[in-house]
Protein backbone atom coordinates (compact mmCIF):
# COMPACT_ATOMS: atom_id res chain seq x y z
CA MET A 1 13.02 10.73 -17.64
CA SER A 2 16.41 11.34 -19.30
CA ALA A 3 18.79 8.47 -19.97
CA PRO A 4 20.72 7.31 -16.86
CA THR A 5 24.52 7.83 -16.83
CA LEU A 6 27.29 5.40 -15.93
CA ALA A 7 30.90 6.07 -15.09
CA ILE A 8 33.24 3.09 -15.63
CA VAL A 9 36.54 3.28 -13.82
CA ASP A 10 38.64 0.25 -14.77
CA ASP A 11 42.12 -0.15 -16.23
CA ASP A 12 41.14 -3.23 -18.31
CA PRO A 13 40.15 -1.80 -21.75
CA ASP A 14 38.46 -5.07 -22.85
CA PHE A 15 36.28 -5.22 -19.73
CA SER A 16 35.43 -1.51 -20.06
CA VAL A 17 34.28 -2.08 -23.64
CA PHE A 18 32.21 -5.06 -22.55
CA LEU A 19 30.58 -3.03 -19.75
CA THR A 20 29.90 -0.19 -22.14
CA ARG A 21 28.18 -2.46 -24.65
CA VAL A 22 25.89 -4.09 -22.00
CA ALA A 23 25.11 -0.75 -20.40
CA ARG A 24 24.18 0.95 -23.65
CA ARG A 25 21.80 -1.92 -24.50
CA GLN A 26 20.04 -1.05 -21.20
CA GLY A 27 19.77 2.62 -22.17
CA PHE A 28 22.74 4.07 -20.23
CA LEU A 29 25.00 6.82 -21.33
CA THR A 30 28.57 5.76 -20.50
CA HIS A 31 31.84 7.44 -19.68
CA GLN A 32 35.13 5.42 -19.44
CA PHE A 33 38.17 6.19 -17.23
CA HIS A 34 41.27 4.07 -16.70
CA THR A 35 42.93 5.99 -13.80
CA VAL A 36 41.97 7.52 -10.51
CA CYS A 37 43.27 10.88 -11.70
CA ASP A 38 41.18 11.01 -14.89
CA ALA A 39 38.02 9.86 -13.07
CA THR A 40 38.51 12.35 -10.23
CA ARG A 41 38.94 15.26 -12.61
CA TRP A 42 35.72 14.47 -14.52
CA LEU A 43 33.52 13.37 -11.59
CA SER A 44 34.47 16.49 -9.57
CA SER A 45 32.42 18.59 -11.99
CA ASN A 46 29.91 16.09 -13.43
CA GLU A 47 27.18 13.89 -11.86
CA VAL A 48 26.35 10.31 -12.74
CA ASP A 49 23.67 7.90 -11.62
CA LEU A 50 25.99 4.86 -11.24
CA THR A 51 29.73 4.41 -10.88
CA ILE A 52 31.32 0.96 -11.47
CA LEU A 53 34.79 0.86 -9.91
CA ASP A 54 37.69 -1.51 -10.09
CA MET A 55 39.60 -1.90 -6.82
CA ALA A 56 43.12 -1.84 -8.25
CA LEU A 57 44.04 1.01 -10.62
CA PRO A 58 47.42 2.18 -11.96
CA ASP A 59 47.56 5.26 -9.70
CA GLY A 60 45.62 4.11 -6.66
CA THR A 61 42.47 2.27 -5.70
CA GLY A 62 38.69 2.72 -6.15
CA LEU A 63 38.66 3.68 -2.45
CA ASP A 64 40.99 6.59 -3.22
CA LEU A 65 38.58 7.88 -5.81
CA LEU A 66 35.66 7.85 -3.39
CA ASP A 67 37.73 9.90 -0.94
CA ARG A 68 38.41 12.58 -3.57
CA ILE A 69 35.02 13.33 -5.07
CA PRO A 70 31.82 14.80 -3.52
CA SER A 71 29.34 12.15 -2.40
CA ASP A 72 26.59 13.62 -4.55
CA ARG A 73 28.60 13.19 -7.80
CA HIS A 74 29.15 9.45 -8.05
CA GLY A 75 25.58 8.20 -7.63
CA GLN A 76 25.26 4.56 -6.66
CA ILE A 77 28.54 2.68 -6.22
CA VAL A 78 29.31 -0.87 -7.37
CA PHE A 79 32.74 -2.42 -7.07
CA VAL A 80 33.57 -4.98 -9.80
CA SER A 81 36.99 -6.39 -9.07
CA GLY A 82 39.09 -9.50 -9.30
CA THR A 83 40.86 -8.82 -5.98
CA ARG A 84 41.07 -11.59 -3.42
CA ASP A 85 42.40 -9.23 -0.71
CA ALA A 86 39.96 -9.72 2.19
CA GLU A 87 40.91 -6.38 3.80
CA GLN A 88 40.23 -4.48 0.61
CA ILE A 89 36.91 -6.22 0.14
CA ARG A 90 35.96 -5.40 3.77
CA ARG A 91 36.79 -1.77 3.23
CA ALA A 92 34.88 -1.67 -0.04
CA VAL A 93 31.63 -2.96 1.53
CA ALA A 94 32.07 -0.50 4.40
CA THR A 95 31.78 2.40 1.87
CA PRO A 96 28.47 3.70 0.42
CA ALA A 97 28.85 0.96 -2.23
CA THR A 98 25.61 -0.92 -2.89
CA GLU A 99 27.30 -4.06 -4.21
CA PHE A 100 30.64 -5.85 -4.63
CA LEU A 101 30.83 -8.13 -7.67
CA GLY A 102 33.76 -10.44 -8.28
CA LYS A 103 35.34 -10.80 -11.74
CA PRO A 104 34.67 -12.43 -14.02
CA VAL A 105 31.06 -11.16 -14.19
CA GLY A 106 28.63 -12.08 -16.94
CA ALA A 107 26.21 -10.03 -19.04
CA ASP A 108 23.18 -11.46 -17.16
CA ALA A 109 24.40 -10.20 -13.77
CA LEU A 110 25.23 -6.79 -15.25
CA GLU A 111 21.80 -6.49 -16.91
CA GLN A 112 20.10 -7.29 -13.60
CA LEU A 113 22.23 -4.63 -11.95
CA PHE A 114 21.32 -1.99 -14.52
CA ARG A 115 17.62 -2.85 -14.29
CA ARG A 116 17.68 -2.41 -10.51
CA VAL A 117 19.42 0.93 -10.83
CA GLN A 118 16.85 2.12 -13.35
CA GLU A 119 13.97 1.00 -11.13
CA ASP A 120 15.48 2.91 -8.22
CA LEU A 121 15.97 6.00 -10.32
CA GLY A 122 12.34 5.76 -11.47
CA CYS A 123 11.17 5.64 -7.86
CA ARG A 124 13.32 8.65 -7.00
CA ALA A 125 12.00 10.59 -9.98
CA HIS A 126 8.41 9.85 -8.88
CA GLY A 127 9.31 10.95 -5.37
CA GLN A 128 10.87 14.16 -6.76
CA GLU A 129 7.65 14.95 -8.75
CA ARG A 130 5.58 14.39 -5.68
CA LEU A 131 7.89 16.55 -3.61
CA ASP A 132 7.81 19.36 -6.21
CA HIS A 133 3.98 19.35 -5.96
CA ASP A 134 3.93 19.41 -2.13
CA LEU A 135 6.81 21.87 -1.67
CA VAL A 136 6.55 24.67 -4.19
CA GLY A 137 9.84 26.36 -5.08
CA GLU A 138 12.60 26.26 -7.66
CA SER A 139 15.14 28.49 -5.89
CA ALA A 140 18.56 27.02 -5.15
CA ALA A 141 17.76 27.07 -1.44
CA MET A 142 14.56 25.05 -1.90
CA ARG A 143 16.19 22.62 -4.27
CA ARG A 144 18.71 21.89 -1.53
CA VAL A 145 15.86 21.35 0.94
CA LYS A 146 14.18 18.89 -1.39
CA GLN A 147 17.44 16.99 -1.99
CA ASP A 148 18.00 16.79 1.77
CA ILE A 149 14.48 15.40 2.30
CA LEU A 150 14.90 12.70 -0.33
CA ARG A 151 18.36 11.85 1.13
CA VAL A 152 17.30 11.54 4.80
CA ALA A 153 13.70 10.25 4.47
CA PRO A 154 14.50 6.57 3.77
CA THR A 155 16.87 6.42 6.83
CA ASP A 156 15.91 6.07 10.50
CA LEU A 157 17.68 9.31 11.49
CA ASN A 158 15.83 11.85 13.58
CA VAL A 159 15.49 15.21 11.83
CA LEU A 160 15.57 18.66 13.30
CA VAL A 161 14.03 21.36 11.04
CA LEU A 162 15.27 24.92 11.69
CA GLY A 163 13.54 27.93 10.29
CA GLU A 164 11.65 31.11 11.02
CA THR A 165 7.97 31.07 11.88
CA GLY A 166 5.81 30.53 8.85
CA THR A 167 8.38 28.90 6.55
CA GLY A 168 6.54 25.59 6.26
CA LYS A 169 8.23 23.27 8.76
CA GLU A 170 5.19 20.97 9.05
CA LEU A 171 5.13 20.53 5.29
CA VAL A 172 8.75 19.33 5.51
CA ALA A 173 7.83 16.87 8.25
CA ARG A 174 4.98 15.50 6.15
CA ALA A 175 7.32 15.15 3.15
CA VAL A 176 9.94 13.31 5.27
CA HIS A 177 7.27 10.87 6.48
CA ALA A 178 5.67 10.42 3.02
CA HIS A 179 9.04 9.40 1.56
CA SER A 180 10.25 7.35 4.51
CA GLY A 181 8.41 4.10 3.68
CA ARG A 182 7.27 3.83 7.33
CA GLN A 183 3.90 2.17 7.62
CA GLY A 184 2.68 3.84 10.82
CA ARG A 185 0.97 7.21 11.21
CA LEU A 186 2.32 10.71 11.11
CA VAL A 187 1.31 12.32 14.41
CA CYS A 188 1.71 16.11 14.68
CA VAL A 189 1.81 18.04 17.93
CA ASN A 190 2.54 21.71 18.58
CA CYS A 191 4.45 21.73 21.87
CA GLY A 192 3.68 25.47 22.35
CA ALA A 193 -0.07 25.00 22.00
CA VAL A 194 -0.56 22.27 24.65
CA PRO A 195 -0.58 23.51 28.29
CA ALA A 196 2.60 22.43 30.06
CA GLU A 197 0.63 20.53 32.73
CA LEU A 198 -1.03 18.43 30.04
CA LEU A 199 1.88 17.84 27.68
CA ALA A 200 3.37 14.96 29.62
CA SER A 201 0.08 13.00 29.48
CA GLN A 202 -0.36 13.85 25.78
CA LEU A 203 3.16 12.76 24.88
CA PHE A 204 3.69 9.70 27.07
CA GLY A 205 0.10 8.71 27.86
CA HIS A 206 -1.35 8.00 31.31
CA GLU A 207 -2.84 5.11 33.26
CA ARG A 208 -6.34 5.15 34.68
CA GLY A 209 -6.37 7.08 37.99
CA ALA A 210 -2.98 8.70 37.36
CA PHE A 211 -4.48 12.08 38.28
CA THR A 212 -7.86 13.64 38.88
CA GLY A 213 -9.98 13.24 35.82
CA ALA A 214 -7.93 10.33 34.34
CA ALA A 215 -10.93 7.99 34.10
CA ASN A 216 -9.40 5.80 31.38
CA ARG A 217 -6.05 4.64 30.14
CA HIS A 218 -4.65 6.90 27.37
CA ALA A 219 -1.98 6.07 24.77
CA GLY A 220 0.26 9.14 24.24
CA PHE A 221 1.53 10.58 20.95
CA LEU A 222 4.68 8.46 21.06
CA GLU A 223 2.59 5.23 21.22
CA GLN A 224 0.17 6.52 18.61
CA ALA A 225 3.08 7.11 16.23
CA ASP A 226 4.54 3.63 16.74
CA GLY A 227 5.87 2.43 13.41
CA GLY A 228 5.52 5.93 12.00
CA THR A 229 6.71 9.49 12.63
CA LEU A 230 6.10 11.96 15.44
CA PHE A 231 6.37 15.65 14.48
CA LEU A 232 7.15 17.91 17.42
CA ASP A 233 6.64 21.50 16.35
CA GLU A 234 8.03 24.27 18.51
CA VAL A 235 9.96 21.68 20.50
CA GLY A 236 11.82 24.44 22.25
CA GLU A 237 8.60 25.41 24.02
CA MET A 238 8.53 22.03 25.82
CA PRO A 239 9.24 22.42 29.53
CA PRO A 240 12.82 21.44 30.46
CA ALA A 241 11.68 18.56 32.71
CA LEU A 242 9.73 17.02 29.85
CA GLN A 243 12.74 17.46 27.51
CA VAL A 244 14.62 15.11 29.85
CA TYR A 245 11.86 12.48 29.64
CA LEU A 246 11.76 12.83 25.85
CA LEU A 247 15.55 12.35 25.64
CA ARG A 248 15.33 9.19 27.68
CA ALA A 249 12.48 7.83 25.56
CA MET A 250 14.56 8.45 22.42
CA GLU A 251 17.63 6.77 23.84
CA THR A 252 15.87 3.70 25.18
CA GLY A 253 13.06 3.35 22.60
CA THR A 254 10.58 3.01 25.45
CA VAL A 255 7.95 5.13 27.16
CA VAL A 256 6.41 4.89 30.63
CA ARG A 257 2.88 6.31 30.93
CA VAL A 258 2.19 8.85 33.63
CA GLY A 259 1.13 6.91 36.70
CA GLY A 260 2.50 3.65 35.31
CA THR A 261 5.58 1.49 35.80
CA CYS A 262 5.73 -0.70 32.67
CA GLU A 263 8.11 0.24 29.87
CA ILE A 264 6.39 0.19 26.48
CA HIS A 265 8.61 -0.29 23.44
CA VAL A 266 7.94 2.08 20.55
CA ASP A 267 9.48 2.37 17.10
CA VAL A 268 9.14 6.09 16.37
CA ARG A 269 11.06 8.37 14.05
CA ILE A 270 11.02 11.94 15.39
CA VAL A 271 11.01 15.05 13.25
CA ALA A 272 11.20 18.17 15.40
CA ALA A 273 11.07 21.83 14.46
CA THR A 274 12.25 24.98 16.20
CA ASN A 275 13.23 28.57 15.51
CA ARG A 276 15.32 28.64 18.72
CA LEU A 277 18.82 27.22 19.15
CA PRO A 278 20.20 25.85 22.42
CA GLU A 279 22.15 29.04 23.15
CA GLU A 280 18.80 30.87 23.39
CA GLY A 281 18.05 28.84 26.52
CA MET A 282 14.86 27.08 25.26
CA LEU A 283 16.13 23.72 24.00
CA ARG A 284 18.48 21.52 26.07
CA GLN A 285 21.76 21.00 24.30
CA ASP A 286 21.75 17.22 24.74
CA LEU A 287 18.24 17.00 23.26
CA PHE A 288 19.33 19.26 20.42
CA TYR A 289 22.11 16.85 19.50
CA ARG A 290 19.84 13.84 19.87
CA LEU A 291 17.19 15.39 17.64
CA GLY A 292 19.72 16.85 15.22
CA HIS A 293 21.10 13.66 13.77
CA TYR A 294 20.15 15.43 10.53
CA LEU A 295 19.69 19.19 10.48
CA LEU A 296 17.50 20.63 7.76
CA GLU A 297 17.37 24.41 7.51
CA LEU A 298 14.42 26.09 5.78
CA PRO A 299 15.15 29.43 4.09
CA PRO A 300 13.04 32.50 4.83
CA LEU A 301 10.70 33.57 1.99
CA ARG A 302 12.76 36.72 1.38
CA ALA A 303 15.71 34.52 0.40
CA ARG A 304 13.77 32.48 -2.17
CA GLY A 305 13.57 34.94 -5.08
CA ASP A 306 10.95 34.06 -7.68
CA ASP A 307 9.49 31.32 -5.43
CA VAL A 308 7.27 34.15 -4.09
CA ARG A 309 5.56 34.40 -7.46
CA LEU A 310 5.25 30.60 -7.85
CA LEU A 311 3.68 30.32 -4.41
CA ALA A 312 1.26 33.20 -5.03
CA ASN A 313 0.14 31.56 -8.30
CA ARG A 314 -0.43 28.26 -6.43
CA PHE A 315 -2.46 30.04 -3.73
CA VAL A 316 -4.59 31.88 -6.26
CA ALA A 317 -5.32 28.65 -8.06
CA ALA A 318 -6.32 26.96 -4.78
CA LEU A 319 -8.68 29.86 -4.02
CA ASN A 320 -10.22 29.46 -7.49
CA ASP A 321 -10.94 25.80 -6.60
CA LYS A 322 -12.28 26.79 -3.15
CA TYR A 323 -14.67 29.56 -4.23
CA GLY A 324 -15.53 28.59 -7.79
CA GLY A 325 -16.89 31.19 -10.17
CA PRO A 326 -14.89 32.88 -12.92
CA PRO A 327 -11.23 32.01 -12.40
CA LYS A 328 -8.86 34.71 -11.26
CA ARG A 329 -5.18 35.04 -11.80
CA LEU A 330 -2.15 36.85 -10.30
CA ASP A 331 -1.68 40.34 -11.66
CA PRO A 332 1.79 40.31 -13.25
CA ALA A 333 2.05 44.09 -12.76
CA GLY A 334 2.47 43.52 -9.01
CA THR A 335 5.28 40.96 -9.21
CA ALA A 336 8.03 43.46 -8.58
CA ARG A 337 6.28 44.53 -5.35
CA LEU A 338 6.05 40.93 -4.15
CA LEU A 339 9.76 40.41 -4.83
CA ARG A 340 10.74 43.60 -2.98
CA HIS A 341 8.78 42.84 0.16
CA SER A 342 10.70 41.34 3.10
CA TRP A 343 7.90 38.96 4.15
CA PRO A 344 8.65 38.88 7.91
CA GLY A 345 5.75 36.43 8.32
CA ASN A 346 7.14 34.23 5.49
CA VAL A 347 4.73 31.93 3.61
CA ARG A 348 2.02 32.33 6.18
CA GLU A 349 2.06 36.09 5.56
CA LEU A 350 1.91 35.54 1.79
CA ILE A 351 -1.11 33.25 2.19
CA ALA A 352 -2.96 35.90 4.24
CA ALA A 353 -2.08 38.67 1.78
CA THR A 354 -3.20 36.50 -1.20
CA GLU A 355 -6.52 35.67 0.41
CA ARG A 356 -7.24 39.31 1.20
CA ALA A 357 -6.33 40.41 -2.36
CA TYR A 358 -8.42 37.60 -3.86
CA LEU A 359 -11.54 38.59 -1.99
CA ASP A 360 -10.98 42.32 -2.68
CA ALA A 361 -10.39 41.78 -6.42
CA GLY A 362 -13.24 43.27 -8.46
CA GLY A 363 -12.15 41.59 -11.68
CA PRO A 364 -10.06 38.71 -12.93
CA MET A 365 -6.71 40.10 -11.68
CA VAL A 366 -5.48 39.52 -8.13
CA ASP A 367 -3.13 42.34 -7.08
CA ILE A 368 -1.37 41.36 -3.83
CA ASN A 369 -0.18 44.23 -1.76
CA PRO A 370 1.60 42.97 1.35
CA LEU A 371 1.50 46.41 2.89
CA VAL A 372 -2.27 46.18 3.20
CA LEU A 373 -1.76 43.89 6.21
CA ASP A 374 0.65 46.36 7.75
CA ARG A 375 -1.79 49.20 7.29
CA ARG A 376 -4.67 47.34 8.94
CA GLN A 377 -2.46 46.79 11.96
CA ALA A 378 -1.36 50.47 12.08
CA ASP A 379 -3.08 53.19 14.00
CA SER A 380 -5.74 55.07 12.10
CA GLY A 381 -5.55 58.72 11.15
CA ASP A 382 -2.25 60.35 10.29
CA VAL A 383 0.05 57.67 11.76
CA VAL A 384 1.81 55.19 9.49
CA GLN A 385 3.75 52.19 10.83
CA PHE A 386 6.31 49.99 9.06
CA ARG A 387 7.99 46.80 10.09
CA VAL A 388 11.78 46.79 10.46
CA GLY A 389 13.18 45.48 7.19
CA THR A 390 10.50 46.96 4.92
CA PRO A 391 12.27 48.03 1.69
CA LEU A 392 12.81 51.74 1.37
CA GLN A 393 10.98 51.94 -1.95
CA ASP A 394 7.92 50.38 -0.42
CA ILE A 395 8.06 52.91 2.47
CA GLU A 396 8.29 55.83 0.04
CA GLU A 397 5.37 54.55 -2.04
CA GLU A 398 3.16 53.97 0.95
CA MET A 399 4.00 57.36 2.52
CA LEU A 400 3.16 59.01 -0.74
CA ARG A 401 -0.13 57.20 -1.04
CA ARG A 402 -1.15 57.93 2.55
CA THR A 403 -0.15 61.60 2.35
CA LEU A 404 -2.04 62.05 -0.89
CA ALA A 405 -5.10 60.51 0.70
CA PHE A 406 -4.70 62.72 3.77
CA HIS A 407 -4.72 65.82 1.51
CA ASN A 408 -7.55 64.49 -0.62
CA GLY A 409 -5.33 64.10 -3.69
CA ASP A 410 -3.90 67.60 -3.58
CA LYS A 411 -0.37 67.11 -5.01
CA THR A 412 0.80 70.60 -4.02
CA ALA A 413 -0.20 70.10 -0.37
CA THR A 414 1.31 66.60 -0.45
CA ALA A 415 4.64 67.97 -1.77
CA ARG A 416 4.65 70.67 0.91
CA SER A 417 4.04 68.10 3.69
CA LEU A 418 6.75 65.76 2.44
CA GLY A 419 9.27 68.57 1.80
CA VAL A 420 9.69 67.79 -1.89
CA SER A 421 8.74 69.47 -5.18
CA VAL A 422 5.48 68.80 -7.03
CA ARG A 423 7.59 67.45 -9.89
CA THR A 424 9.06 64.83 -7.49
CA ILE A 425 5.49 63.76 -6.59
CA HIS A 426 4.59 63.30 -10.25
CA ASN A 427 7.81 61.38 -10.91
CA HIS A 428 7.12 59.03 -8.00
CA LEU A 429 3.54 58.40 -9.15
CA ALA A 430 4.74 57.68 -12.70
CA ARG A 431 7.31 55.23 -11.45
CA THR A 432 4.75 53.50 -9.23
CA ARG A 433 2.40 53.08 -12.22
CA ARG A 434 5.23 51.61 -14.32
CA HIS A 435 6.36 49.06 -11.72
CA GLY A 436 2.95 48.04 -10.40
């Protein structure tokens, strides 16, 4: 891990030098500022792990500085000030500041502070490594998702994950729970997969005799997740009447089993996922706002750039472990094709395409062709189907391949069918060989 960084914002040069000396002994890189203006200018374009602020500065206060810089720039905040103004102290502790230390402050107290910050940074770095392993992706969009997960996970806020089908919303829920520190279970339920008439019993539980076939008392998913996290996938598929009951359970922290009267207190953090917004008529607006204390939006695979290649490599490695035998690897010649494809099925489609290519590979190279799945779904014979959004170059290549096959490799007949010259056919084939 690289050396932690400290920003010192204090107009007392002797105290700033003292702070710098103690911090450097603890392995910190330090930056000194004596005014709000200078600190604002630098912190607006640089990030630090810890900012130590004086309350009173020549051109304002430490509170003014916090108002002027992005919250992700200043790291942890500690006020070290000699002020006796009770109102300023109250306002300081109401900010994201982790501590308020009164001057004079000794070296021992500062060393303890720096050690705590370093321990916290170490835990965060470990969490980031674990997250990078679980959620593959280095694109800017995925880096933001990972930062959001680490930011919200330790809180008790409910999380609503928005994203297209197949983008990995359950993986996000698992990551939020894993980094939350909650000791209870993670319970996952797909609201669209449970019949509507059974979902109430599954979520809230039921008492013996509540309905025909209820021979025993049953604790629902909310009770099972007590002390932990409940993941509600496809929450928009939940019947509107049950959405009302869920809203009440979230507001009161209690559930009443079907057929029962007693309120049962539960401590549950809810992570929900949907690809439908309230205006689409599936999710009640009041439930949307209750679930969406923190919105986390997953990007579609087509917006993640080179993450497609990283994911494909991970899936090929996993298949090597699963099947054994001589290891296979992703054919680099097909990378351009992967990056061009629109991936309407997102990561789930990539997994399916990788598995098919892996099993079809006759040698060590796995050449993933996403259009294979489209072809298997298309009508046989002389009909070719493409999904809306398929890149034009992919359509041209596939039409050429299919037309050549239809004419048994006769390039002249193929050119006649497509209304182009034989030279154009040769040029297209050469380009396809060059770009995989």
